Amino acid sequence: MTGVKQRSVLVVLFDGVQSLDVTGPMEVFAGASRAPGVSYGLRTASLDGAPVRATSGLTLMPDGTLADAPAPHTLLVPGGHGTRGAHPELIGWLREHAPRAERLVSVCTGALLLAEAGLLDGHRVTTHWNHCEQLARDHPAVRVDPEPIFVRDGRLATSAGVTAGIDLALALVEEDHGRDLALNIARHLVVFLRRPGNQAQFSAQLSAQTARSEPLREVQHWITQHPDGDLGVDALAARARLSPRHFARAFRAETGTTPGRYVERVRLEHARRLLEDTADGVERVARASGYGTPEAMRRAFVKTLATGPAEYRRRFRGPAPRT
């Protein structure tokens, strides 16, 4: 293609791969390739070139063997149950050939394969939340961050589970060809552009355990329904009919987090949803989310997401509305 710089992408296939780890990023890169002047040469390969069976039962047909695949610009290693077993041949191929790629990417537990090949040592990485502890335990030279949905560390990019691979692929397209193209792809796929990489893998309701006792469960539910209410410990304790001290101790014991931390996460998520889904001005979003002032909300966004509310909205919706 004359005048087009191709950034080839090679996706590694193996039995037990998670199909969405493969197809999600590939749909993003394929969508980008439909734009004028953009080309991602997409190729899939397995060790022997034979079809592989995904965890869902879907059969995937590789384009060829890994041995015959030319060194790509981007090498993508997906995850899935198939990463759990011994893969000496695949690990050996990754150890020898992955360093030749300009960009090395893993989705979900694909990071386990890269770690086995010694390719993550000294790097900050992430993977599916359920395997972060295993990755850190088995590979102490790897700096595992269990919080973000994806992490960039030099030429290395790792992402959390399944759909986070789409977020990472959108980020890579944005890096290569700009925000407008990535936004168009996100709209076509009906996904947001884009969850910031340092957004937590869990929502507040998922990251905190559900309280065992009914009064505390009701308080958790009430917090999510009333982020703009009085959510101080005294008020929440009164709602649970407990003393503030007993409430704070019981809440942490049953949910794994403090009331204040839980409230912070709920308010941040509520503000994010309003910025993503509505045209409300920043001041109105701040009040509705319990921050009181736009500056208080801005500080919370910068602290947790390393970006302000206006920039966060722009990543999802384009230019911010006038207020």
C-alpha atoms as a PDB file:
ATOM      1  CA  MET A   1       0.000   0.000   0.000  1.00  0.00           C
ATOM      2  CA  THR A   2       1.719   3.124  -1.233  1.00  0.00           C
ATOM      3  CA  GLY A   3       2.191   5.818   1.385  1.00  0.00           C
ATOM      4  CA  VAL A   4       0.855   3.627   4.153  1.00  0.00           C
ATOM      5  CA  LYS A   5       3.037   2.550   7.064  1.00  0.00           C
ATOM      6  CA  GLN A   6       1.992  -0.924   8.108  1.00  0.00           C
ATOM      7  CA  ARG A   7       2.250  -1.950  11.735  1.00  0.00           C
ATOM      8  CA  SER A   8       1.922  -5.693  11.521  1.00  0.00           C
ATOM      9  CA  VAL A   9       0.216  -7.541  14.367  1.00  0.00           C
ATOM     10  CA  LEU A  10       0.867 -11.205  15.109  1.00  0.00           C
ATOM     11  CA  VAL A  11      -1.531 -12.944  17.505  1.00  0.00           C
ATOM     12  CA  VAL A  12      -0.331 -16.158  19.142  1.00  0.00           C
ATOM     13  CA  LEU A  13      -2.880 -18.992  19.265  1.00  0.00           C
ATOM     14  CA  PHE A  14      -2.925 -22.125  21.418  1.00  0.00           C
ATOM     15  CA  ASP A  15      -5.479 -24.619  22.697  1.00  0.00           C
ATOM     16  CA  GLY A  16      -7.499 -23.184  25.569  1.00  0.00           C
ATOM     17  CA  VAL A  17      -7.133 -19.578  24.431  1.00  0.00           C
ATOM     18  CA  GLN A  18      -9.843 -17.101  25.460  1.00  0.00           C
ATOM     19  CA  SER A  19     -11.486 -16.234  22.141  1.00  0.00           C
ATOM     20  CA  LEU A  20     -12.383 -12.658  23.102  1.00  0.00           C
ATOM     21  CA  ASP A  21      -8.741 -12.002  24.036  1.00  0.00           C
ATOM     22  CA  VAL A  22      -8.037 -12.712  20.377  1.00  0.00           C
ATOM     23  CA  THR A  23     -11.033 -11.289  18.551  1.00  0.00           C
ATOM     24  CA  GLY A  24     -11.510  -8.149  20.680  1.00  0.00           C
ATOM     25  CA  PRO A  25      -8.142  -6.547  19.879  1.00  0.00           C
ATOM     26  CA  MET A  26      -8.257  -7.880  16.311  1.00  0.00           C
ATOM     27  CA  GLU A  27     -11.595  -6.137  15.700  1.00  0.00           C
ATOM     28  CA  VAL A  28     -10.041  -2.887  16.917  1.00  0.00           C
ATOM     29  CA  PHE A  29      -7.002  -3.178  14.645  1.00  0.00           C
ATOM     30  CA  ALA A  30      -9.141  -4.341  11.709  1.00  0.00           C
ATOM     31  CA  GLY A  31     -11.447  -1.355  12.214  1.00  0.00           C
ATOM     32  CA  ALA A  32      -8.468   0.981  12.187  1.00  0.00           C
ATOM     33  CA  SER A  33      -7.199  -0.586   8.965  1.00  0.00           C
ATOM     34  CA  ARG A  34     -10.359   0.510   7.154  1.00  0.00           C
ATOM     35  CA  ALA A  35      -9.329   4.137   7.591  1.00  0.00           C
ATOM     36  CA  PRO A  36      -7.374   5.815   4.775  1.00  0.00           C
ATOM     37  CA  GLY A  37      -3.629   5.598   5.249  1.00  0.00           C
ATOM     38  CA  VAL A  38      -3.820   3.054   8.075  1.00  0.00           C
ATOM     39  CA  SER A  39      -2.777  -0.574   7.869  1.00  0.00           C
ATOM     40  CA  TYR A  40      -2.404  -3.200  10.563  1.00  0.00           C
ATOM     41  CA  GLY A  41      -1.346  -6.429   8.900  1.00  0.00           C
ATOM     42  CA  LEU A  42      -3.177  -8.940  11.056  1.00  0.00           C
ATOM     43  CA  ARG A  43      -1.926 -12.498  11.290  1.00  0.00           C
ATOM     44  CA  THR A  44      -2.575 -15.398  13.661  1.00  0.00           C
ATOM     45  CA  ALA A  45      -0.273 -18.339  14.201  1.00  0.00           C
ATOM     46  CA  SER A  46       0.050 -21.435  16.360  1.00  0.00           C
ATOM     47  CA  LEU A  47       3.093 -23.608  16.924  1.00  0.00           C
ATOM     48  CA  ASP A  48       2.157 -26.179  14.284  1.00  0.00           C
ATOM     49  CA  GLY A  49      -0.328 -24.143  12.258  1.00  0.00           C
ATOM     50  CA  ALA A  50      -3.166 -26.476  13.250  1.00  0.00           C
ATOM     51  CA  PRO A  51      -6.575 -25.189  14.388  1.00  0.00           C
ATOM     52  CA  VAL A  52      -6.920 -24.464  18.098  1.00  0.00           C
ATOM     53  CA  ARG A  53      -9.957 -24.823  20.330  1.00  0.00           C
ATOM     54  CA  ALA A  54     -10.855 -21.832  22.484  1.00  0.00           C
ATOM     55  CA  THR A  55     -12.202 -22.113  26.028  1.00  0.00           C
ATOM     56  CA  SER A  56     -15.695 -21.415  24.665  1.00  0.00           C
ATOM     57  CA  GLY A  57     -15.450 -24.392  22.287  1.00  0.00           C
ATOM     58  CA  LEU A  58     -14.914 -22.122  19.281  1.00  0.00           C
ATOM     59  CA  THR A  59     -12.355 -23.417  16.782  1.00  0.00           C
ATOM     60  CA  LEU A  60      -9.868 -20.837  15.505  1.00  0.00           C
ATOM     61  CA  MET A  61      -7.930 -21.400  12.274  1.00  0.00           C
ATOM     62  CA  PRO A  62      -4.435 -19.857  12.342  1.00  0.00           C
ATOM     63  CA  ASP A  63      -2.925 -18.253   9.260  1.00  0.00           C
ATOM     64  CA  GLY A  64       0.195 -20.357   9.672  1.00  0.00           C
ATOM     65  CA  THR A  65       2.918 -21.538  12.023  1.00  0.00           C
ATOM     66  CA  LEU A  66       4.851 -19.380  14.452  1.00  0.00           C
ATOM     67  CA  ALA A  67       8.085 -20.610  12.898  1.00  0.00           C
ATOM     68  CA  ASP A  68       7.092 -19.173   9.505  1.00  0.00           C
ATOM     69  CA  ALA A  69       5.678 -15.893  10.830  1.00  0.00           C
ATOM     70  CA  PRO A  70       7.829 -12.812  10.104  1.00  0.00           C
ATOM     71  CA  ALA A  71       8.839 -10.636  13.039  1.00  0.00           C
ATOM     72  CA  PRO A  72       5.857  -8.313  13.665  1.00  0.00           C
ATOM     73  CA  HIS A  73       5.654  -4.738  14.840  1.00  0.00           C
ATOM     74  CA  THR A  74       3.227  -5.855  17.575  1.00  0.00           C
ATOM     75  CA  LEU A  75       3.228  -9.333  19.072  1.00  0.00           C
ATOM     76  CA  LEU A  76       0.051 -10.078  21.018  1.00  0.00           C
ATOM     77  CA  VAL A  77      -0.198 -12.971  23.462  1.00  0.00           C
ATOM     78  CA  PRO A  78      -3.778 -13.658  24.627  1.00  0.00           C
ATOM     79  CA  GLY A  79      -4.833 -15.479  27.776  1.00  0.00           C
ATOM     80  CA  GLY A  80      -7.198 -18.266  28.644  1.00  0.00           C
ATOM     81  CA  HIS A  81      -7.230 -21.562  30.527  1.00  0.00           C
ATOM     82  CA  GLY A  82      -4.595 -22.843  28.122  1.00  0.00           C
ATOM     83  CA  THR A  83      -1.951 -20.641  29.731  1.00  0.00           C
ATOM     84  CA  ARG A  84      -2.061 -22.673  32.950  1.00  0.00           C
ATOM     85  CA  GLY A  85      -0.341 -25.809  31.660  1.00  0.00           C
ATOM     86  CA  ALA A  86       3.236 -26.487  30.623  1.00  0.00           C
ATOM     87  CA  HIS A  87       4.158 -24.981  27.253  1.00  0.00           C
ATOM     88  CA  PRO A  88       7.908 -25.543  26.831  1.00  0.00           C
ATOM     89  CA  GLU A  89       7.848 -25.132  23.026  1.00  0.00           C
ATOM     90  CA  LEU A  90       5.707 -22.001  23.118  1.00  0.00           C
ATOM     91  CA  ILE A  91       7.738 -20.507  25.980  1.00  0.00           C
ATOM     92  CA  GLY A  92      10.908 -21.227  24.034  1.00  0.00           C
ATOM     93  CA  TRP A  93       9.523 -19.547  20.919  1.00  0.00           C
ATOM     94  CA  LEU A  94       8.484 -16.475  22.917  1.00  0.00           C
ATOM     95  CA  ARG A  95      11.863 -16.279  24.646  1.00  0.00           C
ATOM     96  CA  GLU A  96      13.666 -16.297  21.304  1.00  0.00           C
ATOM     97  CA  HIS A  97      11.321 -14.291  19.073  1.00  0.00           C
ATOM     98  CA  ALA A  98       9.316 -11.892  21.252  1.00  0.00           C
ATOM     99  CA  PRO A  99      12.289  -9.521  21.788  1.00  0.00           C
ATOM    100  CA  ARG A 100      12.307  -8.895  18.017  1.00  0.00           C
ATOM    101  CA  ALA A 101       8.869  -7.262  18.104  1.00  0.00           C
ATOM    102  CA  GLU A 102       8.770  -3.500  18.487  1.00  0.00           C
ATOM    103  CA  ARG A 103       5.778  -3.801  20.806  1.00  0.00           C
ATOM    104  CA  LEU A 104       4.983  -6.738  23.069  1.00  0.00           C
ATOM    105  CA  VAL A 105       1.383  -7.039  24.268  1.00  0.00           C
ATOM    106  CA  SER A 106      -0.435  -9.474  26.534  1.00  0.00           C
ATOM    107  CA  VAL A 107      -4.112  -9.785  27.312  1.00  0.00           C
ATOM    108  CA  CYS A 108      -5.323 -11.363  30.548  1.00  0.00           C
ATOM    109  CA  THR A 109      -3.256 -14.412  31.544  1.00  0.00           C
ATOM    110  CA  GLY A 110      -1.101 -14.121  28.451  1.00  0.00           C
ATOM    111  CA  ALA A 111       1.177 -12.325  30.920  1.00  0.00           C
ATOM    112  CA  LEU A 112       1.840 -15.702  32.573  1.00  0.00           C
ATOM    113  CA  LEU A 113       3.378 -17.004  29.362  1.00  0.00           C
ATOM    114  CA  LEU A 114       5.527 -13.896  28.945  1.00  0.00           C
ATOM    115  CA  ALA A 115       6.652 -14.200  32.548  1.00  0.00           C
ATOM    116  CA  GLU A 116       7.618 -17.857  32.062  1.00  0.00           C
ATOM    117  CA  ALA A 117       9.729 -16.735  29.121  1.00  0.00           C
ATOM    118  CA  GLY A 118      11.509 -14.189  31.341  1.00  0.00           C
ATOM    119  CA  LEU A 119      10.168 -11.257  29.335  1.00  0.00           C
ATOM    120  CA  LEU A 120       8.497  -9.408  32.226  1.00  0.00           C
ATOM    121  CA  ASP A 121      11.376  -9.295  34.712  1.00  0.00           C
ATOM    122  CA  GLY A 122      11.930  -5.779  36.025  1.00  0.00           C
ATOM    123  CA  HIS A 123       8.753  -4.471  34.401  1.00  0.00           C
ATOM    124  CA  ARG A 124       5.507  -3.151  35.882  1.00  0.00           C
ATOM    125  CA  VAL A 125       2.662  -5.281  34.547  1.00  0.00           C
ATOM    126  CA  THR A 126      -0.899  -6.356  35.208  1.00  0.00           C
ATOM    127  CA  THR A 127      -3.091  -9.337  34.410  1.00  0.00           C
ATOM    128  CA  HIS A 128      -6.517 -10.675  35.338  1.00  0.00           C
ATOM    129  CA  TRP A 129      -7.193  -9.842  38.995  1.00  0.00           C
ATOM    130  CA  ASN A 130      -7.593 -13.513  39.864  1.00  0.00           C
ATOM    131  CA  HIS A 131      -4.031 -14.309  38.759  1.00  0.00           C
ATOM    132  CA  CYS A 132      -2.089 -11.275  39.979  1.00  0.00           C
ATOM    133  CA  GLU A 133      -1.105 -12.992  43.217  1.00  0.00           C
ATOM    134  CA  GLN A 134       0.087 -16.090  41.363  1.00  0.00           C
ATOM    135  CA  LEU A 135       2.115 -14.003  38.911  1.00  0.00           C
ATOM    136  CA  ALA A 136       3.782 -12.055  41.730  1.00  0.00           C
ATOM    137  CA  ARG A 137       4.475 -15.213  43.750  1.00  0.00           C
ATOM    138  CA  ASP A 138       5.915 -17.268  40.902  1.00  0.00           C
ATOM    139  CA  HIS A 139       7.911 -14.409  39.367  1.00  0.00           C
ATOM    140  CA  PRO A 140       9.238 -12.120  42.117  1.00  0.00           C
ATOM    141  CA  ALA A 141      11.318 -10.125  39.613  1.00  0.00           C
ATOM    142  CA  VAL A 142       8.071  -8.890  38.007  1.00  0.00           C
ATOM    143  CA  ARG A 143       6.384  -5.808  39.472  1.00  0.00           C
ATOM    144  CA  VAL A 144       2.713  -6.799  39.435  1.00  0.00           C
ATOM    145  CA  ASP A 145       0.084  -4.076  39.801  1.00  0.00           C
ATOM    146  CA  PRO A 146      -3.336  -5.690  40.367  1.00  0.00           C
ATOM    147  CA  GLU A 147      -5.353  -2.461  40.060  1.00  0.00           C
ATOM    148  CA  PRO A 148      -5.210  -1.055  36.489  1.00  0.00           C
ATOM    149  CA  ILE A 149      -7.026  -2.441  33.467  1.00  0.00           C
ATOM    150  CA  PHE A 150      -3.843  -2.021  31.439  1.00  0.00           C
ATOM    151  CA  VAL A 151      -0.256  -0.917  31.978  1.00  0.00           C
ATOM    152  CA  ARG A 152       2.333   0.486  29.561  1.00  0.00           C
ATOM    153  CA  ASP A 153       5.988   0.031  30.467  1.00  0.00           C
ATOM    154  CA  GLY A 154       8.230   0.939  27.565  1.00  0.00           C
ATOM    155  CA  ARG A 155       7.654  -1.429  24.629  1.00  0.00           C
ATOM    156  CA  LEU A 156       5.634  -3.714  26.899  1.00  0.00           C
ATOM    157  CA  ALA A 157       1.867  -3.427  27.305  1.00  0.00           C
ATOM    158  CA  THR A 158      -0.160  -5.750  29.534  1.00  0.00           C
ATOM    159  CA  SER A 159      -3.878  -5.757  30.244  1.00  0.00           C
ATOM    160  CA  ALA A 160      -6.365  -7.219  32.671  1.00  0.00           C
ATOM    161  CA  GLY A 161      -8.975  -9.805  31.786  1.00  0.00           C
ATOM    162  CA  VAL A 162     -10.899 -10.261  28.553  1.00  0.00           C
ATOM    163  CA  THR A 163     -12.569  -6.955  27.587  1.00  0.00           C
ATOM    164  CA  ALA A 164      -9.597  -4.953  28.886  1.00  0.00           C
ATOM    165  CA  GLY A 165      -7.803  -6.148  25.749  1.00  0.00           C
ATOM    166  CA  ILE A 166     -10.165  -3.958  23.734  1.00  0.00           C
ATOM    167  CA  ASP A 167      -9.311  -0.960  25.911  1.00  0.00           C
ATOM    168  CA  LEU A 168      -5.612  -1.617  25.421  1.00  0.00           C
ATOM    169  CA  ALA A 169      -5.974  -2.050  21.651  1.00  0.00           C
ATOM    170  CA  LEU A 170      -7.875   1.243  21.432  1.00  0.00           C
ATOM    171  CA  ALA A 171      -5.100   2.918  23.406  1.00  0.00           C
ATOM    172  CA  LEU A 172      -2.510   1.534  20.987  1.00  0.00           C
ATOM    173  CA  VAL A 173      -4.466   2.748  17.951  1.00  0.00           C
ATOM    174  CA  GLU A 174      -4.771   6.156  19.586  1.00  0.00           C
ATOM    175  CA  GLU A 175      -1.029   6.144  20.199  1.00  0.00           C
ATOM    176  CA  ASP A 176      -0.337   5.184  16.558  1.00  0.00           C
ATOM    177  CA  HIS A 177      -2.933   7.236  14.698  1.00  0.00           C
ATOM    178  CA  GLY A 178      -4.599   9.689  17.054  1.00  0.00           C
ATOM    179  CA  ARG A 179      -7.705  10.031  19.182  1.00  0.00           C
ATOM    180  CA  ASP A 180     -10.216  10.638  16.384  1.00  0.00           C
ATOM    181  CA  LEU A 181      -9.610   7.278  14.734  1.00  0.00           C
ATOM    182  CA  ALA A 182      -9.713   5.425  18.046  1.00  0.00           C
ATOM    183  CA  LEU A 183     -12.952   7.229  18.942  1.00  0.00           C
ATOM    184  CA  ASN A 184     -14.541   6.242  15.638  1.00  0.00           C
ATOM    185  CA  ILE A 185     -13.626   2.596  16.217  1.00  0.00           C
ATOM    186  CA  ALA A 186     -14.982   2.698  19.773  1.00  0.00           C
ATOM    187  CA  ARG A 187     -18.270   4.132  18.532  1.00  0.00           C
ATOM    188  CA  HIS A 188     -18.510   1.461  15.842  1.00  0.00           C
ATOM    189  CA  LEU A 189     -17.914  -1.276  18.424  1.00  0.00           C
ATOM    190  CA  VAL A 190     -20.306   0.450  20.850  1.00  0.00           C
ATOM    191  CA  VAL A 191     -17.687   0.707  23.583  1.00  0.00           C
ATOM    192  CA  PHE A 192     -16.342   3.707  25.431  1.00  0.00           C
ATOM    193  CA  LEU A 193     -13.168   5.450  24.354  1.00  0.00           C
ATOM    194  CA  ARG A 194     -11.604   4.748  26.495  1.00  0.00           C
ATOM    195  CA  ARG A 195     -11.359   3.573  30.064  1.00  0.00           C
ATOM    196  CA  PRO A 196      -8.105   5.064  31.321  1.00  0.00           C
ATOM    197  CA  GLY A 197      -5.452   2.432  31.804  1.00  0.00           C
ATOM    198  CA  ASN A 198      -5.207   3.171  35.506  1.00  0.00           C
ATOM    199  CA  GLN A 199      -8.930   2.707  36.048  1.00  0.00           C
ATOM    200  CA  ALA A 200      -9.451  -0.039  38.602  1.00  0.00           C
ATOM    201  CA  GLN A 201     -10.385  -3.515  37.376  1.00  0.00           C
ATOM    202  CA  PHE A 202     -13.233  -3.594  39.898  1.00  0.00           C
ATOM    203  CA  SER A 203     -16.134  -1.299  40.588  1.00  0.00           C
ATOM    204  CA  ALA A 204     -16.707  -0.363  44.213  1.00  0.00           C
ATOM    205  CA  GLN A 205     -19.488  -2.917  44.497  1.00  0.00           C
ATOM    206  CA  LEU A 206     -17.281  -5.674  43.082  1.00  0.00           C
ATOM    207  CA  SER A 207     -14.013  -4.743  44.769  1.00  0.00           C
ATOM    208  CA  ALA A 208     -15.633  -4.641  48.203  1.00  0.00           C
ATOM    209  CA  GLN A 209     -17.195  -7.767  49.585  1.00  0.00           C
ATOM    210  CA  THR A 210     -20.918  -7.776  50.164  1.00  0.00           C
ATOM    211  CA  ALA A 211     -21.528  -7.466  53.885  1.00  0.00           C
ATOM    212  CA  ARG A 212     -22.927 -10.563  55.597  1.00  0.00           C
ATOM    213  CA  SER A 213     -25.232  -8.725  57.987  1.00  0.00           C
ATOM    214  CA  GLU A 214     -28.411  -7.216  56.563  1.00  0.00           C
ATOM    215  CA  PRO A 215     -28.033  -3.735  58.138  1.00  0.00           C
ATOM    216  CA  LEU A 216     -24.593  -3.297  56.545  1.00  0.00           C
ATOM    217  CA  ARG A 217     -25.790  -4.639  53.192  1.00  0.00           C
ATOM    218  CA  GLU A 218     -28.603  -2.107  53.268  1.00  0.00           C
ATOM    219  CA  VAL A 219     -26.121   0.665  54.023  1.00  0.00           C
ATOM    220  CA  GLN A 220     -23.986  -0.404  51.055  1.00  0.00           C
ATOM    221  CA  HIS A 221     -27.027  -0.285  48.806  1.00  0.00           C
ATOM    222  CA  TRP A 222     -28.135   3.070  50.208  1.00  0.00           C
ATOM    223  CA  ILE A 223     -24.696   4.577  49.534  1.00  0.00           C
ATOM    224  CA  THR A 224     -24.832   3.567  45.869  1.00  0.00           C
ATOM    225  CA  GLN A 225     -28.332   5.019  45.524  1.00  0.00           C
ATOM    226  CA  HIS A 226     -27.552   8.298  47.325  1.00  0.00           C
ATOM    227  CA  PRO A 227     -23.984   9.397  46.480  1.00  0.00           C
ATOM    228  CA  ASP A 228     -24.990  13.021  47.091  1.00  0.00           C
ATOM    229  CA  GLY A 229     -26.312  12.306  50.590  1.00  0.00           C
ATOM    230  CA  ASP A 230     -24.685  12.609  53.988  1.00  0.00           C
ATOM    231  CA  LEU A 231     -22.331   9.648  53.879  1.00  0.00           C
ATOM    232  CA  GLY A 232     -20.242  10.415  56.935  1.00  0.00           C
ATOM    233  CA  VAL A 233     -19.591   7.606  59.401  1.00  0.00           C
ATOM    234  CA  ASP A 234     -21.987   9.037  61.984  1.00  0.00           C
ATOM    235  CA  ALA A 235     -24.873   9.214  59.497  1.00  0.00           C
ATOM    236  CA  LEU A 236     -24.198   5.762  58.077  1.00  0.00           C
ATOM    237  CA  ALA A 237     -23.836   4.277  61.565  1.00  0.00           C
ATOM    238  CA  ALA A 238     -27.194   5.738  62.543  1.00  0.00           C
ATOM    239  CA  ARG A 239     -28.772   4.162  59.470  1.00  0.00           C
ATOM    240  CA  ALA A 240     -27.325   0.791  60.502  1.00  0.00           C
ATOM    241  CA  ARG A 241     -28.409   1.428  64.117  1.00  0.00           C
ATOM    242  CA  LEU A 242     -24.867   0.983  65.386  1.00  0.00           C
ATOM    243  CA  SER A 243     -22.443   3.208  67.219  1.00  0.00           C
ATOM    244  CA  PRO A 244     -19.969   4.933  64.834  1.00  0.00           C
ATOM    245  CA  ARG A 245     -17.063   2.952  66.253  1.00  0.00           C
ATOM    246  CA  HIS A 246     -18.862  -0.385  66.023  1.00  0.00           C
ATOM    247  CA  PHE A 247     -20.148   0.450  62.538  1.00  0.00           C
ATOM    248  CA  ALA A 248     -16.713   1.376  61.164  1.00  0.00           C
ATOM    249  CA  ARG A 249     -15.138  -1.755  62.629  1.00  0.00           C
ATOM    250  CA  ALA A 250     -17.919  -4.066  61.401  1.00  0.00           C
ATOM    251  CA  PHE A 251     -18.047  -2.476  57.937  1.00  0.00           C
ATOM    252  CA  ARG A 252     -14.337  -3.024  57.389  1.00  0.00           C
ATOM    253  CA  ALA A 253     -14.445  -6.554  58.765  1.00  0.00           C
ATOM    254  CA  GLU A 254     -17.304  -7.574  56.485  1.00  0.00           C
ATOM    255  CA  THR A 255     -16.443  -5.676  53.285  1.00  0.00           C
ATOM    256  CA  GLY A 256     -12.661  -5.514  53.374  1.00  0.00           C
ATOM    257  CA  THR A 257     -12.601  -1.722  53.095  1.00  0.00           C
ATOM    258  CA  THR A 258     -13.405   1.303  55.243  1.00  0.00           C
ATOM    259  CA  PRO A 259     -16.690   3.222  54.926  1.00  0.00           C
ATOM    260  CA  GLY A 260     -14.797   6.275  53.715  1.00  0.00           C
ATOM    261  CA  ARG A 261     -12.960   4.340  51.025  1.00  0.00           C
ATOM    262  CA  TYR A 262     -16.183   2.714  49.851  1.00  0.00           C
ATOM    263  CA  VAL A 263     -17.928   6.081  49.639  1.00  0.00           C
ATOM    264  CA  GLU A 264     -15.012   7.530  47.655  1.00  0.00           C
ATOM    265  CA  ARG A 265     -15.238   4.758  45.086  1.00  0.00           C
ATOM    266  CA  VAL A 266     -19.016   4.981  44.763  1.00  0.00           C
ATOM    267  CA  ARG A 267     -18.911   8.753  44.261  1.00  0.00           C
ATOM    268  CA  LEU A 268     -16.134   8.502  41.695  1.00  0.00           C
ATOM    269  CA  GLU A 269     -17.998   5.849  39.725  1.00  0.00           C
ATOM    270  CA  HIS A 270     -21.205   7.874  39.830  1.00  0.00           C
ATOM    271  CA  ALA A 271     -19.372  10.937  38.542  1.00  0.00           C
ATOM    272  CA  ARG A 272     -17.743   8.886  35.788  1.00  0.00           C
ATOM    273  CA  ARG A 273     -21.089   7.546  34.616  1.00  0.00           C
ATOM    274  CA  LEU A 274     -22.592  11.022  34.474  1.00  0.00           C
ATOM    275  CA  LEU A 275     -19.626  12.337  32.511  1.00  0.00           C
ATOM    276  CA  GLU A 276     -19.831   9.397  30.124  1.00  0.00           C
ATOM    277  CA  ASP A 277     -23.597   9.252  29.638  1.00  0.00           C
ATOM    278  CA  THR A 278     -24.936  12.786  30.066  1.00  0.00           C
ATOM    279  CA  ALA A 279     -24.243  16.323  28.900  1.00  0.00           C
ATOM    280  CA  ASP A 280     -24.476  17.707  32.439  1.00  0.00           C
ATOM    281  CA  GLY A 281     -21.911  20.353  33.255  1.00  0.00           C
ATOM    282  CA  VAL A 282     -19.048  19.600  35.614  1.00  0.00           C
ATOM    283  CA  GLU A 283     -20.587  21.625  38.439  1.00  0.00           C
ATOM    284  CA  ARG A 284     -23.866  19.703  38.246  1.00  0.00           C
ATOM    285  CA  VAL A 285     -22.015  16.362  38.088  1.00  0.00           C
ATOM    286  CA  ALA A 286     -19.970  17.336  41.148  1.00  0.00           C
ATOM    287  CA  ARG A 287     -23.097  18.149  43.168  1.00  0.00           C
ATOM    288  CA  ALA A 288     -24.978  15.033  42.041  1.00  0.00           C
ATOM    289  CA  SER A 289     -22.016  12.849  42.975  1.00  0.00           C
ATOM    290  CA  GLY A 290     -21.619  14.283  46.452  1.00  0.00           C
ATOM    291  CA  TYR A 291     -18.445  16.285  45.887  1.00  0.00           C
ATOM    292  CA  GLY A 292     -20.000  19.656  46.531  1.00  0.00           C
ATOM    293  CA  THR A 293     -17.580  21.585  44.312  1.00  0.00           C
ATOM    294  CA  PRO A 294     -15.958  20.929  40.916  1.00  0.00           C
ATOM    295  CA  GLU A 295     -12.534  21.374  42.533  1.00  0.00           C
ATOM    296  CA  ALA A 296     -13.199  18.591  45.044  1.00  0.00           C
ATOM    297  CA  MET A 297     -14.260  16.311  42.200  1.00  0.00           C
ATOM    298  CA  ARG A 298     -11.203  17.277  40.152  1.00  0.00           C
ATOM    299  CA  ARG A 299      -8.895  16.352  43.033  1.00  0.00           C
ATOM    300  CA  ALA A 300     -10.597  12.960  43.375  1.00  0.00           C
ATOM    301  CA  PHE A 301     -10.235  12.250  39.647  1.00  0.00           C
ATOM    302  CA  VAL A 302      -6.585  13.271  39.524  1.00  0.00           C
ATOM    303  CA  LYS A 303      -5.788  11.233  42.628  1.00  0.00           C
ATOM    304  CA  THR A 304      -7.399   8.041  41.341  1.00  0.00           C
ATOM    305  CA  LEU A 305      -7.386   8.291  37.546  1.00  0.00           C
ATOM    306  CA  ALA A 306      -4.497  10.727  36.980  1.00  0.00           C
ATOM    307  CA  THR A 307      -6.751  12.884  34.811  1.00  0.00           C
ATOM    308  CA  GLY A 308      -9.308  15.651  35.411  1.00  0.00           C
ATOM    309  CA  PRO A 309     -13.065  15.359  34.780  1.00  0.00           C
ATOM    310  CA  ALA A 310     -12.980  17.388  31.546  1.00  0.00           C
ATOM    311  CA  GLU A 311     -10.226  15.252  30.036  1.00  0.00           C
ATOM    312  CA  TYR A 312     -11.949  12.083  31.237  1.00  0.00           C
ATOM    313  CA  ARG A 313     -15.155  13.113  29.459  1.00  0.00           C
ATOM    314  CA  ARG A 314     -13.247  13.999  26.301  1.00  0.00           C
ATOM    315  CA  ARG A 315     -11.773  10.493  26.175  1.00  0.00           C
ATOM    316  CA  PHE A 316     -15.281   9.064  26.063  1.00  0.00           C
ATOM    317  CA  ARG A 317     -17.356  11.652  24.279  1.00  0.00           C
ATOM    318  CA  GLY A 318     -15.097  14.025  22.420  1.00  0.00           C
ATOM    319  CA  PRO A 319     -15.088  17.764  23.343  1.00  0.00           C
ATOM    320  CA  ALA A 320     -16.763  18.613  26.644  1.00  0.00           C
ATOM    321  CA  PRO A 321     -20.138  20.421  26.473  1.00  0.00           C
ATOM    322  CA  ARG A 322     -20.356  24.050  27.333  1.00  0.00           C
ATOM    323  CA  THR A 323     -21.447  24.856  30.864  1.00  0.00           C
END
